[in-house]
Amino acid sequence: MTTNHTHPDHKHDHKACLELFAKLSEYIDGETDEVTCEAIRAHMEACPCCTTCLETLKRTVGFCEEVGDEPVPPGFSKKLREALSNMP
């Protein structure tokens, strides 16, 4: 996956962002080693786009933890799959 999206403050290689993105879940869960943690923190200081992504992911994880294991309403999964398959 390549991207041509740019942000005025985002002047570094997008490949680094994609590599970081693959590690964010482990980072949030405290499952990364200290070297990786430092690399992620350094990247976040230089990349407002990834910082926003990380904060959004943290909020999503928090929301999922609050909701717990409640079952979804009948038919929800089917509607969600249909909606996703119709996305461009």
PDB file of N, CA and C in Angstrom:
ATOM      1  N   MET A   1       0.835  -1.173   0.000  1.00  0.00           N
ATOM      2  CA  MET A   1       0.000   0.000   0.000  1.00  0.00           C
ATOM      3  C   MET A   1       0.878   1.233   0.000  1.00  0.00           C
ATOM      4  N   THR A   2       0.648   2.120  -0.930  1.00  0.00           N
ATOM      5  CA  THR A   2       1.367   3.377  -0.948  1.00  0.00           C
ATOM      6  C   THR A   2       0.367   4.500  -0.814  1.00  0.00           C
ATOM      7  N   THR A   3       0.861   5.612  -0.336  1.00  0.00           N
ATOM      8  CA  THR A   3      -0.024   6.744  -0.155  1.00  0.00           C
ATOM      9  C   THR A   3       0.644   8.005  -0.645  1.00  0.00           C
ATOM     10  N   ASN A   4      -0.136   8.892  -1.197  1.00  0.00           N
ATOM     11  CA  ASN A   4       0.373  10.174  -1.648  1.00  0.00           C
ATOM     12  C   ASN A   4      -0.185  11.305  -0.802  1.00  0.00           C
ATOM     13  N   HIS A   5      -0.841  10.956   0.296  1.00  0.00           N
ATOM     14  CA  HIS A   5      -1.395  11.977   1.177  1.00  0.00           C
ATOM     15  C   HIS A   5      -0.249  12.714   1.845  1.00  0.00           C
ATOM     16  N   THR A   6      -0.370  14.015   1.874  1.00  0.00           N
ATOM     17  CA  THR A   6       0.668  14.799   2.534  1.00  0.00           C
ATOM     18  C   THR A   6       0.018  15.747   3.527  1.00  0.00           C
ATOM     19  N   HIS A   7       0.788  16.126   4.461  1.00  0.00           N
ATOM     20  CA  HIS A   7       0.386  17.084   5.475  1.00  0.00           C
ATOM     21  C   HIS A   7       1.509  18.102   5.516  1.00  0.00           C
ATOM     22  N   PRO A   8       1.202  19.385   5.665  1.00  0.00           N
ATOM     23  CA  PRO A   8       2.263  20.398   5.645  1.00  0.00           C
ATOM     24  C   PRO A   8       3.387  20.138   6.637  1.00  0.00           C
ATOM     25  N   ASP A   9       3.079  19.542   7.784  1.00  0.00           N
ATOM     26  CA  ASP A   9       4.096  19.286   8.802  1.00  0.00           C
ATOM     27  C   ASP A   9       4.694  17.891   8.675  1.00  0.00           C
ATOM     28  N   HIS A  10       4.302  17.161   7.683  1.00  0.00           N
ATOM     29  CA  HIS A  10       4.686  15.753   7.540  1.00  0.00           C
ATOM     30  C   HIS A  10       5.653  15.636   6.363  1.00  0.00           C
ATOM     31  N   LYS A  11       6.919  15.746   6.641  1.00  0.00           N
ATOM     32  CA  LYS A  11       7.914  15.797   5.575  1.00  0.00           C
ATOM     33  C   LYS A  11       8.862  14.603   5.587  1.00  0.00           C
ATOM     34  N   HIS A  12       8.451  13.498   6.167  1.00  0.00           N
ATOM     35  CA  HIS A  12       9.327  12.340   6.178  1.00  0.00           C
ATOM     36  C   HIS A  12       8.714  11.197   5.374  1.00  0.00           C
ATOM     37  N   ASP A  13       9.447  10.120   5.281  1.00  0.00           N
ATOM     38  CA  ASP A  13       9.077   8.964   4.482  1.00  0.00           C
ATOM     39  C   ASP A  13       7.831   8.275   5.028  1.00  0.00           C
ATOM     40  N   HIS A  14       6.829   8.136   4.184  1.00  0.00           N
ATOM     41  CA  HIS A  14       5.590   7.477   4.601  1.00  0.00           C
ATOM     42  C   HIS A  14       5.806   5.999   4.913  1.00  0.00           C
ATOM     43  N   LYS A  15       6.846   5.407   4.373  1.00  0.00           N
ATOM     44  CA  LYS A  15       7.133   4.005   4.661  1.00  0.00           C
ATOM     45  C   LYS A  15       7.366   3.814   6.158  1.00  0.00           C
ATOM     46  N   ALA A  16       8.018   4.766   6.782  1.00  0.00           N
ATOM     47  CA  ALA A  16       8.242   4.694   8.231  1.00  0.00           C
ATOM     48  C   ALA A  16       6.911   4.714   8.973  1.00  0.00           C
ATOM     49  N   CYS A  17       5.961   5.492   8.478  1.00  0.00           N
ATOM     50  CA  CYS A  17       4.639   5.549   9.112  1.00  0.00           C
ATOM     51  C   CYS A  17       3.943   4.198   9.014  1.00  0.00           C
ATOM     52  N   LEU A  18       4.023   3.576   7.844  1.00  0.00           N
ATOM     53  CA  LEU A  18       3.376   2.279   7.661  1.00  0.00           C
ATOM     54  C   LEU A  18       4.013   1.215   8.541  1.00  0.00           C
ATOM     55  N   GLU A  19       5.329   1.250   8.678  1.00  0.00           N
ATOM     56  CA  GLU A  19       6.013   0.294   9.549  1.00  0.00           C
ATOM     57  C   GLU A  19       5.603   0.519  11.012  1.00  0.00           C
ATOM     58  N   LEU A  20       5.486   1.765  11.401  1.00  0.00           N
ATOM     59  CA  LEU A  20       5.068   2.094  12.758  1.00  0.00           C
ATOM     60  C   LEU A  20       3.632   1.630  13.001  1.00  0.00           C
ATOM     61  N   PHE A  21       2.763   1.861  12.041  1.00  0.00           N
ATOM     62  CA  PHE A  21       1.361   1.503  12.190  1.00  0.00           C
ATOM     63  C   PHE A  21       1.195   0.029  12.535  1.00  0.00           C
ATOM     64  N   ALA A  22       2.034  -0.819  11.966  1.00  0.00           N
ATOM     65  CA  ALA A  22       1.954  -2.257  12.225  1.00  0.00           C
ATOM     66  C   ALA A  22       2.284  -2.602  13.676  1.00  0.00           C
ATOM     67  N   LYS A  23       2.931  -1.680  14.390  1.00  0.00           N
ATOM     68  CA  LYS A  23       3.361  -1.951  15.763  1.00  0.00           C
ATOM     69  C   LYS A  23       2.519  -1.238  16.825  1.00  0.00           C
ATOM     70  N   LEU A  24       1.557  -0.440  16.403  1.00  0.00           N
ATOM     71  CA  LEU A  24       0.836   0.392  17.371  1.00  0.00           C
ATOM     72  C   LEU A  24       0.036  -0.406  18.389  1.00  0.00           C
ATOM     73  N   SER A  25      -0.624  -1.463  17.972  1.00  0.00           N
ATOM     74  CA  SER A  25      -1.411  -2.253  18.922  1.00  0.00           C
ATOM     75  C   SER A  25      -0.529  -2.830  20.012  1.00  0.00           C
ATOM     76  N   GLU A  26       0.616  -3.379  19.614  1.00  0.00           N
ATOM     77  CA  GLU A  26       1.542  -3.937  20.595  1.00  0.00           C
ATOM     78  C   GLU A  26       2.090  -2.846  21.509  1.00  0.00           C
ATOM     79  N   TYR A  27       2.330  -1.668  20.935  1.00  0.00           N
ATOM     80  CA  TYR A  27       2.828  -0.539  21.714  1.00  0.00           C
ATOM     81  C   TYR A  27       1.810  -0.141  22.786  1.00  0.00           C
ATOM     82  N   ILE A  28       0.554  -0.010  22.394  1.00  0.00           N
ATOM     83  CA  ILE A  28      -0.501   0.369  23.336  1.00  0.00           C
ATOM     84  C   ILE A  28      -0.650  -0.679  24.436  1.00  0.00           C
ATOM     85  N   ASP A  29      -0.509  -1.940  24.066  1.00  0.00           N
ATOM     86  CA  ASP A  29      -0.671  -3.031  25.028  1.00  0.00           C
ATOM     87  C   ASP A  29       0.571  -3.261  25.879  1.00  0.00           C
ATOM     88  N   GLY A  30       1.647  -2.485  25.653  1.00  0.00           N
ATOM     89  CA  GLY A  30       2.873  -2.636  26.426  1.00  0.00           C
ATOM     90  C   GLY A  30       3.657  -3.887  26.071  1.00  0.00           C
ATOM     91  N   GLU A  31       3.528  -4.335  24.835  1.00  0.00           N
ATOM     92  CA  GLU A  31       4.174  -5.572  24.405  1.00  0.00           C
ATOM     93  C   GLU A  31       5.400  -5.346  23.527  1.00  0.00           C
ATOM     94  N   THR A  32       5.887  -4.106  23.451  1.00  0.00           N
ATOM     95  CA  THR A  32       7.074  -3.829  22.647  1.00  0.00           C
ATOM     96  C   THR A  32       8.277  -3.615  23.555  1.00  0.00           C
ATOM     97  N   ASP A  33       9.444  -3.929  23.033  1.00  0.00           N
ATOM     98  CA  ASP A  33      10.669  -3.740  23.809  1.00  0.00           C
ATOM     99  C   ASP A  33      10.990  -2.243  23.895  1.00  0.00           C
ATOM    100  N   GLU A  34      11.914  -1.904  24.773  1.00  0.00           N
ATOM    101  CA  GLU A  34      12.232  -0.498  25.027  1.00  0.00           C
ATOM    102  C   GLU A  34      12.788   0.207  23.786  1.00  0.00           C
ATOM    103  N   VAL A  35      13.576  -0.485  22.983  1.00  0.00           N
ATOM    104  CA  VAL A  35      14.128   0.125  21.762  1.00  0.00           C
ATOM    105  C   VAL A  35      12.986   0.512  20.820  1.00  0.00           C
ATOM    106  N   THR A  36      12.023  -0.383  20.649  1.00  0.00           N
ATOM    107  CA  THR A  36      10.876  -0.103  19.786  1.00  0.00           C
ATOM    108  C   THR A  36      10.038   1.025  20.363  1.00  0.00           C
ATOM    109  N   CYS A  37       9.842   1.021  21.670  1.00  0.00           N
ATOM    110  CA  CYS A  37       9.087   2.101  22.321  1.00  0.00           C
ATOM    111  C   CYS A  37       9.737   3.456  22.065  1.00  0.00           C
ATOM    112  N   GLU A  38      11.040   3.515  22.211  1.00  0.00           N
ATOM    113  CA  GLU A  38      11.760   4.773  21.979  1.00  0.00           C
ATOM    114  C   GLU A  38      11.633   5.215  20.526  1.00  0.00           C
ATOM    115  N   ALA A  39      11.719   4.272  19.592  1.00  0.00           N
ATOM    116  CA  ALA A  39      11.582   4.600  18.175  1.00  0.00           C
ATOM    117  C   ALA A  39      10.177   5.135  17.881  1.00  0.00           C
ATOM    118  N   ILE A  40       9.184   4.529  18.480  1.00  0.00           N
ATOM    119  CA  ILE A  40       7.808   4.985  18.276  1.00  0.00           C
ATOM    120  C   ILE A  40       7.617   6.371  18.872  1.00  0.00           C
ATOM    121  N   ARG A  41       8.125   6.589  20.081  1.00  0.00           N
ATOM    122  CA  ARG A  41       8.003   7.914  20.701  1.00  0.00           C
ATOM    123  C   ARG A  41       8.705   8.986  19.869  1.00  0.00           C
ATOM    124  N   ALA A  42       9.878   8.677  19.349  1.00  0.00           N
ATOM    125  CA  ALA A  42      10.613   9.639  18.526  1.00  0.00           C
ATOM    126  C   ALA A  42       9.836   9.945  17.246  1.00  0.00           C
ATOM    127  N   HIS A  43       9.267   8.920  16.641  1.00  0.00           N
ATOM    128  CA  HIS A  43       8.488   9.118  15.423  1.00  0.00           C
ATOM    129  C   HIS A  43       7.274  10.002  15.724  1.00  0.00           C
ATOM    130  N   MET A  44       6.620   9.758  16.845  1.00  0.00           N
ATOM    131  CA  MET A  44       5.434  10.526  17.207  1.00  0.00           C
ATOM    132  C   MET A  44       5.758  12.006  17.392  1.00  0.00           C
ATOM    133  N   GLU A  45       6.930  12.301  17.918  1.00  0.00           N
ATOM    134  CA  GLU A  45       7.330  13.698  18.109  1.00  0.00           C
ATOM    135  C   GLU A  45       7.456  14.423  16.780  1.00  0.00           C
ATOM    136  N   ALA A  46       7.799  13.687  15.719  1.00  0.00           N
ATOM    137  CA  ALA A  46       8.020  14.301  14.416  1.00  0.00           C
ATOM    138  C   ALA A  46       6.832  14.158  13.467  1.00  0.00           C
ATOM    139  N   CYS A  47       5.813  13.411  13.867  1.00  0.00           N
ATOM    140  CA  CYS A  47       4.750  13.093  12.919  1.00  0.00           C
ATOM    141  C   CYS A  47       3.363  13.310  13.526  1.00  0.00           C
ATOM    142  N   PRO A  48       2.764  14.452  13.275  1.00  0.00           N
ATOM    143  CA  PRO A  48       1.437  14.712  13.829  1.00  0.00           C
ATOM    144  C   PRO A  48       0.370  13.749  13.301  1.00  0.00           C
ATOM    145  N   CYS A  49       0.534  13.265  12.088  1.00  0.00           N
ATOM    146  CA  CYS A  49      -0.451  12.335  11.527  1.00  0.00           C
ATOM    147  C   CYS A  49      -0.456  11.020  12.311  1.00  0.00           C
ATOM    148  N   CYS A  50       0.712  10.482  12.593  1.00  0.00           N
ATOM    149  CA  CYS A  50       0.792   9.232  13.352  1.00  0.00           C
ATOM    150  C   CYS A  50       0.369   9.435  14.797  1.00  0.00           C
ATOM    151  N   THR A  51       0.645  10.608  15.349  1.00  0.00           N
ATOM    152  CA  THR A  51       0.214  10.909  16.708  1.00  0.00           C
ATOM    153  C   THR A  51      -1.313  10.888  16.785  1.00  0.00           C
ATOM    154  N   THR A  52      -1.963  11.471  15.798  1.00  0.00           N
ATOM    155  CA  THR A  52      -3.422  11.451  15.743  1.00  0.00           C
ATOM    156  C   THR A  52      -3.929  10.023  15.619  1.00  0.00           C
ATOM    157  N   CYS A  53      -3.279   9.234  14.780  1.00  0.00           N
ATOM    158  CA  CYS A  53      -3.666   7.831  14.599  1.00  0.00           C
ATOM    159  C   CYS A  53      -3.532   7.071  15.917  1.00  0.00           C
ATOM    160  N   LEU A  54      -2.440   7.272  16.625  1.00  0.00           N
ATOM    161  CA  LEU A  54      -2.218   6.591  17.904  1.00  0.00           C
ATOM    162  C   LEU A  54      -3.283   6.988  18.923  1.00  0.00           C
ATOM    163  N   GLU A  55      -3.575   8.262  19.024  1.00  0.00           N
ATOM    164  CA  GLU A  55      -4.571   8.717  19.990  1.00  0.00           C
ATOM    165  C   GLU A  55      -5.954   8.161  19.649  1.00  0.00           C
ATOM    166  N   THR A  56      -6.276   8.102  18.369  1.00  0.00           N
ATOM    167  CA  THR A  56      -7.552   7.536  17.938  1.00  0.00           C
ATOM    168  C   THR A  56      -7.621   6.058  18.278  1.00  0.00           C
ATOM    169  N   LEU A  57      -6.529   5.341  18.041  1.00  0.00           N
ATOM    170  CA  LEU A  57      -6.499   3.917  18.360  1.00  0.00           C
ATOM    171  C   LEU A  57      -6.636   3.694  19.869  1.00  0.00           C
ATOM    172  N   LYS A  58      -5.987   4.528  20.665  1.00  0.00           N
ATOM    173  CA  LYS A  58      -6.110   4.416  22.124  1.00  0.00           C
ATOM    174  C   LYS A  58      -7.561   4.624  22.566  1.00  0.00           C
ATOM    175  N   ARG A  59      -8.231   5.629  21.979  1.00  0.00           N
ATOM    176  CA  ARG A  59      -9.632   5.874  22.331  1.00  0.00           C
ATOM    177  C   ARG A  59     -10.512   4.702  21.905  1.00  0.00           C
ATOM    178  N   THR A  60     -10.223   4.125  20.739  1.00  0.00           N
ATOM    179  CA  THR A  60     -10.998   2.981  20.259  1.00  0.00           C
ATOM    180  C   THR A  60     -10.827   1.792  21.186  1.00  0.00           C
ATOM    181  N   VAL A  61      -9.592   1.521  21.604  1.00  0.00           N
ATOM    182  CA  VAL A  61      -9.329   0.421  22.532  1.00  0.00           C
ATOM    183  C   VAL A  61     -10.063   0.669  23.848  1.00  0.00           C
ATOM    184  N   GLY A  62      -9.994   1.889  24.343  1.00  0.00           N
ATOM    185  CA  GLY A  62     -10.691   2.227  25.581  1.00  0.00           C
ATOM    186  C   GLY A  62     -12.197   2.034  25.462  1.00  0.00           C
ATOM    187  N   PHE A  63     -12.747   2.446  24.332  1.00  0.00           N
ATOM    188  CA  PHE A  63     -14.175   2.267  24.109  1.00  0.00           C
ATOM    189  C   PHE A  63     -14.533   0.782  24.096  1.00  0.00           C
ATOM    190  N   CYS A  64     -13.741  -0.016  23.408  1.00  0.00           N
ATOM    191  CA  CYS A  64     -14.006  -1.459  23.339  1.00  0.00           C
ATOM    192  C   CYS A  64     -13.926  -2.098  24.724  1.00  0.00           C
ATOM    193  N   GLU A  65     -12.996  -1.639  25.549  1.00  0.00           N
ATOM    194  CA  GLU A  65     -12.890  -2.167  26.909  1.00  0.00           C
ATOM    195  C   GLU A  65     -14.106  -1.784  27.743  1.00  0.00           C
ATOM    196  N   GLU A  66     -14.633  -0.592  27.533  1.00  0.00           N
ATOM    197  CA  GLU A  66     -15.823  -0.151  28.267  1.00  0.00           C
ATOM    198  C   GLU A  66     -17.056  -0.949  27.864  1.00  0.00           C
ATOM    199  N   VAL A  67     -17.181  -1.235  26.581  1.00  0.00           N
ATOM    200  CA  VAL A  67     -18.352  -1.934  26.073  1.00  0.00           C
ATOM    201  C   VAL A  67     -18.365  -3.382  26.543  1.00  0.00           C
ATOM    202  N   GLY A  68     -17.211  -3.986  26.624  1.00  0.00           N
ATOM    203  CA  GLY A  68     -17.124  -5.366  27.075  1.00  0.00           C
ATOM    204  C   GLY A  68     -17.572  -6.358  26.016  1.00  0.00           C
ATOM    205  N   ASP A  69     -18.105  -7.463  26.470  1.00  0.00           N
ATOM    206  CA  ASP A  69     -18.463  -8.556  25.573  1.00  0.00           C
ATOM    207  C   ASP A  69     -19.955  -8.610  25.276  1.00  0.00           C
ATOM    208  N   GLU A  70     -20.581  -7.470  25.198  1.00  0.00           N
ATOM    209  CA  GLU A  70     -22.010  -7.445  24.883  1.00  0.00           C
ATOM    210  C   GLU A  70     -22.216  -7.921  23.443  1.00  0.00           C
ATOM    211  N   PRO A  71     -23.202  -8.776  23.219  1.00  0.00           N
ATOM    212  CA  PRO A  71     -23.463  -9.229  21.849  1.00  0.00           C
ATOM    213  C   PRO A  71     -24.026  -8.095  21.003  1.00  0.00           C
ATOM    214  N   VAL A  72     -23.705  -8.136  19.709  1.00  0.00           N
ATOM    215  CA  VAL A  72     -24.245  -7.131  18.800  1.00  0.00           C
ATOM    216  C   VAL A  72     -25.681  -7.509  18.452  1.00  0.00           C
ATOM    217  N   PRO A  73     -26.487  -6.526  18.082  1.00  0.00           N
ATOM    218  CA  PRO A  73     -27.881  -6.820  17.737  1.00  0.00           C
ATOM    219  C   PRO A  73     -27.962  -7.788  16.552  1.00  0.00           C
ATOM    220  N   PRO A  74     -29.026  -8.566  16.482  1.00  0.00           N
ATOM    221  CA  PRO A  74     -29.198  -9.487  15.350  1.00  0.00           C
ATOM    222  C   PRO A  74     -29.156  -8.717  14.030  1.00  0.00           C
ATOM    223  N   GLY A  75     -28.455  -9.261  13.068  1.00  0.00           N
ATOM    224  CA  GLY A  75     -28.366  -8.645  11.747  1.00  0.00           C
ATOM    225  C   GLY A  75     -27.289  -7.592  11.610  1.00  0.00           C
ATOM    226  N   PHE A  76     -26.682  -7.179  12.715  1.00  0.00           N
ATOM    227  CA  PHE A  76     -25.677  -6.119  12.656  1.00  0.00           C
ATOM    228  C   PHE A  76     -24.466  -6.535  11.828  1.00  0.00           C
ATOM    229  N   SER A  77     -23.962  -7.741  12.058  1.00  0.00           N
ATOM    230  CA  SER A  77     -22.777  -8.204  11.334  1.00  0.00           C
ATOM    231  C   SER A  77     -23.022  -8.219   9.836  1.00  0.00           C
ATOM    232  N   LYS A  78     -24.202  -8.691   9.430  1.00  0.00           N
ATOM    233  CA  LYS A  78     -24.535  -8.733   8.004  1.00  0.00           C
ATOM    234  C   LYS A  78     -24.573  -7.320   7.424  1.00  0.00           C
ATOM    235  N   LYS A  79     -25.206  -6.382   8.126  1.00  0.00           N
ATOM    236  CA  LYS A  79     -25.286  -4.996   7.653  1.00  0.00           C
ATOM    237  C   LYS A  79     -23.902  -4.364   7.570  1.00  0.00           C
ATOM    238  N   LEU A  80     -23.061  -4.665   8.532  1.00  0.00           N
ATOM    239  CA  LEU A  80     -21.706  -4.115   8.530  1.00  0.00           C
ATOM    240  C   LEU A  80     -20.916  -4.662   7.345  1.00  0.00           C
ATOM    241  N   ARG A  81     -20.991  -5.964   7.104  1.00  0.00           N
ATOM    242  CA  ARG A  81     -20.292  -6.560   5.946  1.00  0.00           C
ATOM    243  C   ARG A  81     -20.783  -5.938   4.642  1.00  0.00           C
ATOM    244  N   GLU A  82     -22.089  -5.743   4.526  1.00  0.00           N
ATOM    245  CA  GLU A  82     -22.648  -5.131   3.311  1.00  0.00           C
ATOM    246  C   GLU A  82     -22.139  -3.697   3.140  1.00  0.00           C
ATOM    247  N   ALA A  83     -22.129  -2.949   4.216  1.00  0.00           N
ATOM    248  CA  ALA A  83     -21.658  -1.573   4.153  1.00  0.00           C
ATOM    249  C   ALA A  83     -20.186  -1.504   3.746  1.00  0.00           C
ATOM    250  N   LEU A  84     -19.383  -2.388   4.313  1.00  0.00           N
ATOM    251  CA  LEU A  84     -17.961  -2.408   3.979  1.00  0.00           C
ATOM    252  C   LEU A  84     -17.719  -2.837   2.547  1.00  0.00           C
ATOM    253  N   SER A  85     -18.514  -3.784   2.055  1.00  0.00           N
ATOM    254  CA  SER A  85     -18.311  -4.239   0.683  1.00  0.00           C
ATOM    255  C   SER A  85     -18.729  -3.180  -0.342  1.00  0.00           C
ATOM    256  N   ASN A  86     -19.555  -2.230   0.077  1.00  0.00           N
ATOM    257  CA  ASN A  86     -19.994  -1.152  -0.821  1.00  0.00           C
ATOM    258  C   ASN A  86     -19.101   0.076  -0.772  1.00  0.00           C
ATOM    259  N   MET A  87     -18.070   0.040   0.070  1.00  0.00           N
ATOM    260  CA  MET A  87     -17.165   1.184   0.165  1.00  0.00           C
ATOM    261  C   MET A  87     -16.239   1.204  -1.037  1.00  0.00           C
ATOM    262  N   PRO A  88     -15.893   2.412  -1.494  1.00  0.00           N
ATOM    263  CA  PRO A  88     -14.965   2.516  -2.651  1.00  0.00           C
ATOM    264  C   PRO A  88     -13.582   2.050  -2.324  1.00  0.00           C
TER     265      PRO A  88
END
